[in-house]
Protein backbone atom coordinates (compact mmCIF):
# COMPACT_ATOMS: atom_id res chain seq x y z
CA MET A 1 52.59 -45.11 -59.67
CA SER A 2 55.94 -43.44 -59.13
CA GLU A 3 58.84 -42.16 -61.17
CA THR A 4 62.53 -41.84 -60.37
CA VAL A 5 64.21 -38.49 -61.00
CA TYR A 6 67.82 -37.85 -60.01
CA GLY A 7 67.80 -41.19 -58.21
CA LYS A 8 64.85 -40.26 -55.99
CA GLU A 9 61.31 -41.54 -56.22
CA ILE A 10 58.66 -38.93 -56.91
CA PHE A 11 54.88 -39.14 -57.08
CA SER A 12 54.95 -41.67 -54.29
CA GLN A 13 52.15 -41.49 -51.76
CA PHE A 14 52.92 -39.62 -48.57
CA ASN A 15 50.70 -39.22 -45.54
CA GLU A 16 53.05 -37.51 -43.11
CA PHE A 17 56.17 -35.39 -43.41
CA ASN A 18 58.19 -33.04 -41.27
CA THR A 19 57.41 -29.45 -42.24
CA GLU A 20 61.05 -28.53 -41.58
CA ASN A 21 61.88 -30.60 -44.67
CA ALA A 22 59.17 -29.02 -46.82
CA LEU A 23 59.67 -26.25 -49.33
CA VAL A 24 56.66 -24.38 -50.72
CA TRP A 25 57.04 -21.88 -53.49
CA ILE A 26 54.42 -19.51 -54.82
CA ASP A 27 54.74 -17.27 -57.84
CA PRO A 28 51.57 -15.19 -57.60
CA LEU A 29 52.07 -13.50 -60.99
CA ASP A 30 54.20 -15.59 -63.35
CA GLY A 31 54.34 -13.60 -66.56
CA THR A 32 54.60 -10.12 -65.07
CA LYS A 33 55.72 -8.58 -68.37
CA ASP A 34 52.77 -10.14 -70.20
CA PHE A 35 50.50 -8.81 -67.45
CA THR A 36 51.78 -5.26 -67.90
CA LEU A 37 51.38 -5.59 -71.69
CA GLY A 38 47.79 -6.77 -71.30
CA ASN A 39 48.47 -10.31 -72.56
CA LEU A 40 46.48 -11.86 -69.72
CA SER A 41 46.16 -15.30 -71.33
CA ALA A 42 49.92 -15.80 -70.76
CA VAL A 43 49.74 -14.98 -67.02
CA THR A 44 49.69 -17.84 -64.50
CA VAL A 45 49.90 -18.48 -60.77
CA LEU A 46 52.36 -21.21 -59.79
CA ILE A 47 52.38 -23.17 -56.52
CA GLY A 48 54.66 -26.09 -55.71
CA LEU A 49 55.68 -28.39 -52.86
CA ALA A 50 58.92 -30.31 -52.41
CA ILE A 51 59.75 -32.57 -49.47
CA ASP A 52 63.37 -33.43 -48.75
CA GLY A 53 64.24 -31.81 -52.07
CA VAL A 54 61.88 -34.08 -54.02
CA PRO A 55 59.02 -32.40 -55.92
CA LYS A 56 55.67 -33.74 -54.77
CA ILE A 57 52.99 -31.54 -56.29
CA GLY A 58 52.60 -28.46 -58.42
CA VAL A 59 49.68 -26.38 -59.59
CA VAL A 60 49.46 -23.96 -62.50
CA HIS A 61 46.40 -21.72 -62.63
CA HIS A 62 45.36 -19.29 -65.37
CA PRO A 63 43.45 -16.67 -63.35
CA PHE A 64 42.50 -14.56 -66.37
CA MET A 65 41.57 -17.37 -68.77
CA THR A 66 38.13 -16.93 -70.30
CA ASN A 67 36.37 -18.42 -73.32
CA GLU A 68 37.26 -15.26 -75.23
CA ASN A 69 41.04 -15.78 -74.89
CA ASP A 70 40.99 -19.58 -74.82
CA GLY A 71 43.18 -19.71 -77.90
């Protein structure tokens, strides 16, 4: 299954790509202010990959999420 965004197909399968055309971004502590205030349930780690300017995959992780602060 794929979707078109800004005229480009995303979520299409890809097996090979040129790493020169890849962009990886990592935000190791998204929610820095919440972290400093002790609001750890609002802190995430973000990782994403775009190829030729088209987003391919993204991951959001809650490193401090426990059953106690599960909302």
